[in-house]
Protein backbone atom coordinates (compact mmCIF):
# COMPACT_ATOMS: atom_id res chain seq x y z
CA MET A 1 -16.77 -0.62 2.42
CA ASN A 2 -15.25 0.77 5.56
CA ASP A 3 -16.28 4.39 6.40
CA LYS A 4 -13.50 5.00 8.89
CA GLU A 5 -11.15 7.91 8.40
CA HIS A 6 -8.39 6.80 10.67
CA PHE A 7 -6.91 3.40 11.35
CA SER A 8 -4.77 1.81 14.10
CA VAL A 9 -1.92 -0.48 13.11
CA PRO A 10 -4.12 -3.71 13.21
CA GLU A 11 -6.94 -1.94 11.45
CA ALA A 12 -4.61 -0.67 8.69
CA ALA A 13 -3.18 -4.18 8.22
CA GLU A 14 -6.72 -5.54 7.87
CA TYR A 15 -7.74 -2.73 5.52
CA MET A 16 -4.77 -3.42 3.27
CA SER A 17 -5.21 -7.24 3.62
CA THR A 18 -1.76 -7.67 5.03
CA THR A 19 -0.02 -8.40 8.24
CA VAL A 20 0.67 -6.13 11.27
CA ARG A 21 4.32 -6.96 10.87
CA PHE A 22 4.32 -5.49 7.39
CA VAL A 23 2.50 -2.30 8.51
CA ARG A 24 5.10 -1.87 11.33
CA ARG A 25 7.90 -2.28 8.70
CA LEU A 26 6.20 0.45 6.71
CA ILE A 27 6.28 2.64 9.76
CA ALA A 28 9.97 1.93 10.53
CA GLU A 29 10.96 2.57 6.94
CA ARG A 30 8.71 5.76 6.75
CA ARG A 31 7.09 4.42 3.55
CA VAL A 32 3.59 5.56 4.47
CA PRO A 33 2.63 8.77 6.32
CA PHE A 34 1.17 8.27 9.83
CA HIS A 35 0.30 10.26 12.90
CA ARG A 36 1.83 9.56 16.38
CA LEU A 37 -0.53 10.35 19.20
CA GLY A 38 1.59 9.66 22.27
CA ARG A 39 2.30 5.87 21.95
CA LEU A 40 -0.61 5.48 19.47
CA ILE A 41 -0.01 5.37 15.70
CA ARG A 42 -2.85 6.12 13.39
CA PHE A 43 -3.11 6.27 9.60
CA LYS A 44 -5.41 8.30 7.43
CA LYS A 45 -7.49 6.25 5.03
CA VAL A 46 -6.46 8.51 2.11
CA ASP A 47 -2.76 7.89 2.90
CA LEU A 48 -3.22 4.11 2.81
CA ASP A 49 -5.23 4.36 -0.46
CA ALA A 50 -2.44 6.49 -1.90
CA PHE A 51 0.16 3.93 -0.80
CA ILE A 52 -1.73 1.10 -2.37
CA GLU A 53 -2.35 3.02 -5.59
CA ALA A 54 1.39 3.92 -5.77
CA GLY A 55 2.18 0.19 -6.03
CA ARG A 56 -0.20 -0.35 -8.91
CA VAL A 57 1.37 -2.17 -11.84
CA GLU A 58 -0.35 -1.75 -15.25
CA ALA A 59 -0.86 -4.80 -17.36
CA PHE A 60 0.72 -5.15 -20.86
CA ASP A 61 -1.46 -5.66 -23.89
CA ALA A 62 -0.82 -8.66 -26.02
CA GLU A 63 1.08 -6.76 -28.75
CA ALA A 64 3.46 -5.15 -26.26
CA VAL A 65 4.31 -8.52 -24.81
CA ARG A 66 4.98 -10.02 -28.18
CA PHE A 67 7.18 -6.98 -29.19
CA ARG A 68 9.09 -7.26 -25.79
CA PHE A 69 9.87 -10.96 -26.27
CA ARG A 70 10.69 -10.55 -29.89
CA ARG A 71 13.47 -7.92 -29.01
CA ALA A 72 14.91 -10.12 -26.26
CA SER A 73 15.60 -13.05 -28.63
């Protein structure tokens, strides 16, 4: 696991297993907190982890799926 506390844009992209372009879009849309140090942009690890966790989608159990499809019919 990575022990860094702050990440640059390319490091954040690697940490989140995504592209630099996606991270830059997150910055432009202000969807993730970041720090601007002059021209440099840095992300706190805890902020990246919170962003990832906020996108978590829980799985349905089998009974819930059956009930959902039964009502749709």
